[in-house]
């Protein structure tokens, strides 16, 4: 494939996880080109927000990566999976 040397290209399978009435996606990426932690990576996400790395699964095949991910997130609230935005700093001074 004609990609840049540092590009990462993956093929994705998508799963939906419904927990406590809320839904998140788990995308399992199959490496086509580039550097990933393994051949398959399972990543919980909210479309544009990706779970913290410690909640992602990796494996030699799709079921292994998904199983590792599910094991890591078992018992956690959905809010605990994703990075939180820190307080925004303000450049305005209090009067």
N, C-alpha and C. Protein backbone atom coordinates (compact mmCIF):
# COMPACT_ATOMS: atom_id res chain seq x y z
N UNK A 1 0.84 -1.17 0.00
CA UNK A 1 0.00 0.00 0.00
C UNK A 1 0.88 1.24 0.00
N UNK A 2 0.41 2.24 -0.66
CA UNK A 2 1.18 3.47 -0.82
C UNK A 2 0.80 4.46 0.27
N UNK A 3 1.37 4.27 1.46
CA UNK A 3 1.12 5.14 2.60
C UNK A 3 2.43 5.74 3.08
N UNK A 4 2.33 6.78 3.89
CA UNK A 4 3.54 7.34 4.50
C UNK A 4 4.13 6.30 5.45
N UNK A 5 5.41 6.35 5.67
CA UNK A 5 6.11 5.37 6.48
C UNK A 5 5.55 5.27 7.90
N UNK A 6 5.14 6.39 8.50
CA UNK A 6 4.65 6.38 9.88
C UNK A 6 3.14 6.25 9.99
N UNK A 7 2.43 6.10 8.87
CA UNK A 7 0.98 5.94 8.91
C UNK A 7 0.60 4.63 9.56
N UNK A 8 -0.56 4.64 10.21
CA UNK A 8 -1.14 3.42 10.76
C UNK A 8 -2.48 3.22 10.06
N UNK A 9 -2.67 2.03 9.51
CA UNK A 9 -3.92 1.69 8.83
C UNK A 9 -4.48 0.45 9.50
N UNK A 10 -5.76 0.53 9.89
CA UNK A 10 -6.41 -0.61 10.54
C UNK A 10 -7.75 -0.89 9.88
N UNK A 11 -8.19 -2.12 10.05
CA UNK A 11 -9.54 -2.53 9.69
C UNK A 11 -10.29 -2.69 11.00
N UNK A 12 -11.53 -2.19 11.08
CA UNK A 12 -12.24 -2.14 12.35
C UNK A 12 -13.49 -3.02 12.36
N UNK A 13 -13.66 -3.75 13.48
CA UNK A 13 -14.92 -4.41 13.81
C UNK A 13 -15.48 -3.65 14.99
N UNK A 14 -16.78 -3.37 14.98
CA UNK A 14 -17.38 -2.56 16.06
C UNK A 14 -18.36 -3.40 16.87
N UNK A 15 -18.25 -3.24 18.19
CA UNK A 15 -19.16 -3.87 19.14
C UNK A 15 -19.83 -2.77 19.94
N UNK A 16 -21.03 -3.01 20.42
CA UNK A 16 -21.72 -2.08 21.32
C UNK A 16 -21.81 -2.74 22.68
N UNK A 17 -21.45 -2.00 23.71
CA UNK A 17 -21.59 -2.46 25.08
C UNK A 17 -22.58 -1.54 25.78
N UNK A 18 -23.65 -2.13 26.31
CA UNK A 18 -24.63 -1.35 27.05
C UNK A 18 -24.46 -1.72 28.52
N UNK A 19 -24.16 -0.70 29.31
CA UNK A 19 -23.93 -0.90 30.74
C UNK A 19 -24.72 0.17 31.49
N UNK A 20 -25.56 -0.28 32.41
CA UNK A 20 -26.39 0.64 33.20
C UNK A 20 -27.18 1.60 32.31
N UNK A 21 -27.71 1.07 31.22
CA UNK A 21 -28.55 1.87 30.33
C UNK A 21 -27.80 2.83 29.43
N UNK A 22 -26.48 2.78 29.43
CA UNK A 22 -25.68 3.65 28.57
C UNK A 22 -24.86 2.80 27.63
N UNK A 23 -24.64 3.31 26.42
CA UNK A 23 -23.94 2.53 25.40
C UNK A 23 -22.60 3.16 25.06
N UNK A 24 -21.60 2.30 24.93
CA UNK A 24 -20.31 2.70 24.39
C UNK A 24 -19.97 1.74 23.26
N UNK A 25 -19.05 2.13 22.44
CA UNK A 25 -18.53 1.26 21.38
C UNK A 25 -17.23 0.64 21.84
N UNK A 26 -16.96 -0.54 21.34
CA UNK A 26 -15.63 -1.12 21.44
C UNK A 26 -15.22 -1.45 20.02
N UNK A 27 -14.24 -0.72 19.52
CA UNK A 27 -13.72 -0.97 18.18
C UNK A 27 -12.49 -1.86 18.29
N UNK A 28 -12.50 -2.95 17.54
CA UNK A 28 -11.34 -3.83 17.50
C UNK A 28 -10.61 -3.55 16.18
N UNK A 29 -9.40 -3.04 16.31
CA UNK A 29 -8.59 -2.66 15.16
C UNK A 29 -7.66 -3.82 14.78
N UNK A 30 -7.72 -4.21 13.53
CA UNK A 30 -6.78 -5.19 12.99
C UNK A 30 -5.71 -4.42 12.23
N UNK A 31 -4.46 -4.61 12.64
CA UNK A 31 -3.36 -3.87 12.02
C UNK A 31 -3.18 -4.29 10.56
N UNK A 32 -3.21 -3.32 9.68
CA UNK A 32 -2.87 -3.53 8.27
C UNK A 32 -1.44 -3.03 8.03
N UNK A 33 -1.17 -1.83 8.54
CA UNK A 33 0.18 -1.26 8.46
C UNK A 33 0.41 -0.35 9.65
N UNK A 34 1.63 -0.36 10.17
CA UNK A 34 2.01 0.56 11.23
C UNK A 34 2.30 -0.15 12.54
N UNK A 35 2.65 0.64 13.53
CA UNK A 35 3.02 0.11 14.84
C UNK A 35 1.85 0.20 15.81
N UNK A 36 1.39 -0.94 16.27
CA UNK A 36 0.38 -1.05 17.33
C UNK A 36 0.92 -1.98 18.39
N UNK A 37 0.25 -2.05 19.53
CA UNK A 37 0.71 -2.90 20.63
C UNK A 37 0.68 -4.38 20.27
N UNK A 38 -0.18 -4.78 19.33
CA UNK A 38 -0.30 -6.17 18.90
C UNK A 38 -1.01 -6.19 17.55
N UNK A 39 -1.31 -7.35 17.04
CA UNK A 39 -2.00 -7.46 15.75
C UNK A 39 -3.42 -6.92 15.81
N UNK A 40 -4.06 -7.05 17.00
CA UNK A 40 -5.42 -6.56 17.22
C UNK A 40 -5.45 -5.73 18.49
N UNK A 41 -6.17 -4.61 18.45
CA UNK A 41 -6.33 -3.73 19.61
C UNK A 41 -7.82 -3.43 19.77
N UNK A 42 -8.35 -3.65 20.98
CA UNK A 42 -9.75 -3.34 21.28
C UNK A 42 -9.80 -2.05 22.08
N UNK A 43 -10.56 -1.08 21.56
CA UNK A 43 -10.55 0.27 22.13
C UNK A 43 -11.97 0.74 22.45
N UNK A 44 -12.32 0.85 23.74
CA UNK A 44 -13.61 1.44 24.09
C UNK A 44 -13.62 2.91 23.67
N UNK A 45 -14.76 3.39 23.18
CA UNK A 45 -14.83 4.77 22.74
C UNK A 45 -16.25 5.29 22.70
N UNK A 46 -16.34 6.60 22.65
CA UNK A 46 -17.60 7.32 22.47
C UNK A 46 -17.52 8.10 21.17
N UNK A 47 -17.17 7.45 20.11
CA UNK A 47 -16.94 7.98 18.76
C UNK A 47 -15.72 8.88 18.73
N UNK A 48 -15.76 10.03 19.39
CA UNK A 48 -14.61 10.94 19.33
C UNK A 48 -13.82 11.02 20.62
N UNK A 49 -14.16 10.19 21.61
CA UNK A 49 -13.40 10.13 22.86
C UNK A 49 -12.95 8.69 23.06
N UNK A 50 -11.65 8.49 23.16
CA UNK A 50 -11.07 7.15 23.27
C UNK A 50 -10.73 6.86 24.72
N UNK A 51 -10.98 5.62 25.14
CA UNK A 51 -10.69 5.21 26.51
C UNK A 51 -9.21 5.32 26.82
N UNK A 52 -8.91 5.46 28.10
CA UNK A 52 -7.52 5.50 28.55
C UNK A 52 -6.83 4.20 28.13
N UNK A 53 -5.54 4.25 27.84
CA UNK A 53 -4.81 3.05 27.37
C UNK A 53 -4.93 1.85 28.30
N UNK A 54 -5.03 2.08 29.61
CA UNK A 54 -5.11 0.94 30.53
C UNK A 54 -6.42 0.16 30.41
N UNK A 55 -7.39 0.69 29.67
CA UNK A 55 -8.67 0.00 29.47
C UNK A 55 -8.77 -0.62 28.08
N UNK A 56 -7.71 -0.56 27.32
CA UNK A 56 -7.69 -1.14 25.98
C UNK A 56 -7.10 -2.54 26.03
N UNK A 57 -7.56 -3.40 25.11
CA UNK A 57 -7.06 -4.77 25.06
C UNK A 57 -6.24 -5.01 23.81
N UNK A 58 -5.30 -5.93 23.90
CA UNK A 58 -4.46 -6.28 22.76
C UNK A 58 -4.38 -7.80 22.67
N UNK A 59 -4.19 -8.29 21.44
CA UNK A 59 -4.06 -9.73 21.29
C UNK A 59 -3.66 -10.13 19.88
N UNK A 60 -3.37 -11.40 19.74
CA UNK A 60 -2.97 -11.98 18.45
C UNK A 60 -4.15 -12.12 17.50
N UNK A 61 -5.39 -12.09 18.06
CA UNK A 61 -6.59 -12.19 17.21
C UNK A 61 -7.69 -11.35 17.83
N UNK A 62 -8.78 -11.17 17.10
CA UNK A 62 -9.87 -10.31 17.54
C UNK A 62 -10.50 -10.78 18.86
N UNK A 63 -10.85 -12.08 18.99
CA UNK A 63 -11.45 -12.50 20.27
C UNK A 63 -10.54 -12.27 21.47
N UNK A 64 -9.25 -12.48 21.32
CA UNK A 64 -8.31 -12.27 22.44
C UNK A 64 -8.25 -10.80 22.84
N UNK A 65 -8.18 -9.90 21.87
CA UNK A 65 -8.11 -8.47 22.16
C UNK A 65 -9.41 -8.01 22.83
N UNK A 66 -10.54 -8.46 22.31
CA UNK A 66 -11.83 -8.08 22.89
C UNK A 66 -11.96 -8.62 24.31
N UNK A 67 -11.58 -9.86 24.53
CA UNK A 67 -11.66 -10.46 25.86
C UNK A 67 -10.78 -9.72 26.87
N UNK A 68 -9.58 -9.34 26.47
CA UNK A 68 -8.70 -8.59 27.38
C UNK A 68 -9.31 -7.25 27.72
N UNK A 69 -9.87 -6.58 26.74
CA UNK A 69 -10.51 -5.29 26.97
C UNK A 69 -11.68 -5.44 27.95
N UNK A 70 -12.55 -6.42 27.70
CA UNK A 70 -13.72 -6.62 28.56
C UNK A 70 -13.30 -6.97 29.99
N UNK A 71 -12.23 -7.73 30.12
CA UNK A 71 -11.72 -8.07 31.45
C UNK A 71 -11.23 -6.81 32.18
N UNK A 72 -10.58 -5.92 31.45
CA UNK A 72 -10.04 -4.70 32.05
C UNK A 72 -11.14 -3.73 32.48
N UNK A 73 -12.27 -3.73 31.77
CA UNK A 73 -13.32 -2.76 32.09
C UNK A 73 -14.45 -3.35 32.93
N UNK A 74 -14.36 -4.62 33.24
CA UNK A 74 -15.40 -5.27 34.05
C UNK A 74 -15.51 -4.55 35.40
N UNK A 75 -16.73 -4.22 35.78
CA UNK A 75 -16.97 -3.60 37.07
C UNK A 75 -16.73 -2.10 37.12
N UNK A 76 -16.25 -1.51 36.03
CA UNK A 76 -15.99 -0.07 36.01
C UNK A 76 -17.21 0.68 35.46
N UNK A 77 -17.42 1.88 35.97
CA UNK A 77 -18.44 2.75 35.39
C UNK A 77 -17.93 3.30 34.08
N UNK A 78 -18.82 3.57 33.18
CA UNK A 78 -18.42 4.11 31.87
C UNK A 78 -17.59 5.39 32.03
N UNK A 79 -17.97 6.23 32.98
CA UNK A 79 -17.24 7.49 33.19
C UNK A 79 -15.78 7.26 33.55
N UNK A 80 -15.48 6.12 34.18
CA UNK A 80 -14.12 5.84 34.62
C UNK A 80 -13.19 5.41 33.48
N UNK A 81 -13.76 5.10 32.32
CA UNK A 81 -12.96 4.59 31.21
C UNK A 81 -12.25 5.70 30.42
N UNK A 82 -12.78 6.90 30.50
CA UNK A 82 -12.32 7.96 29.61
C UNK A 82 -11.58 9.06 30.35
N UNK A 83 -10.64 9.70 29.66
CA UNK A 83 -9.89 10.80 30.29
C UNK A 83 -10.85 11.93 30.65
N UNK A 84 -10.54 12.63 31.70
CA UNK A 84 -11.34 13.79 32.07
C UNK A 84 -10.58 15.04 31.71
N UNK A 85 -11.31 16.04 31.30
CA UNK A 85 -10.67 17.32 30.97
C UNK A 85 -10.34 18.04 32.25
N UNK A 86 -9.14 18.55 32.32
CA UNK A 86 -8.71 19.30 33.50
C UNK A 86 -9.40 20.66 33.51
N UNK A 87 -9.31 21.37 34.60
CA UNK A 87 -9.92 22.70 34.66
C UNK A 87 -9.26 23.63 33.65
N UNK A 88 -10.07 24.40 33.00
CA UNK A 88 -9.53 25.35 32.01
C UNK A 88 -8.95 26.54 32.74
N UNK A 89 -7.77 26.93 32.30
CA UNK A 89 -7.15 28.11 32.93
C UNK A 89 -7.68 29.37 32.24
N UNK A 90 -7.80 30.37 33.01
CA UNK A 90 -8.31 31.65 32.48
C UNK A 90 -7.20 32.68 32.54
N UNK A 91 -7.09 33.47 31.50
CA UNK A 91 -6.08 34.51 31.50
C UNK A 91 -6.64 35.82 32.05
N UNK A 92 -7.97 35.85 32.25
CA UNK A 92 -8.59 37.06 32.81
C UNK A 92 -8.33 37.11 34.31
N UNK A 93 -8.03 38.30 34.80
CA UNK A 93 -7.79 38.47 36.23
C UNK A 93 -9.09 38.85 36.91
N UNK A 94 -9.25 38.39 38.16
CA UNK A 94 -10.41 38.76 38.94
C UNK A 94 -10.29 40.23 39.33
N UNK A 95 -11.41 40.95 39.25
CA UNK A 95 -11.40 42.37 39.63
C UNK A 95 -11.76 42.55 41.07
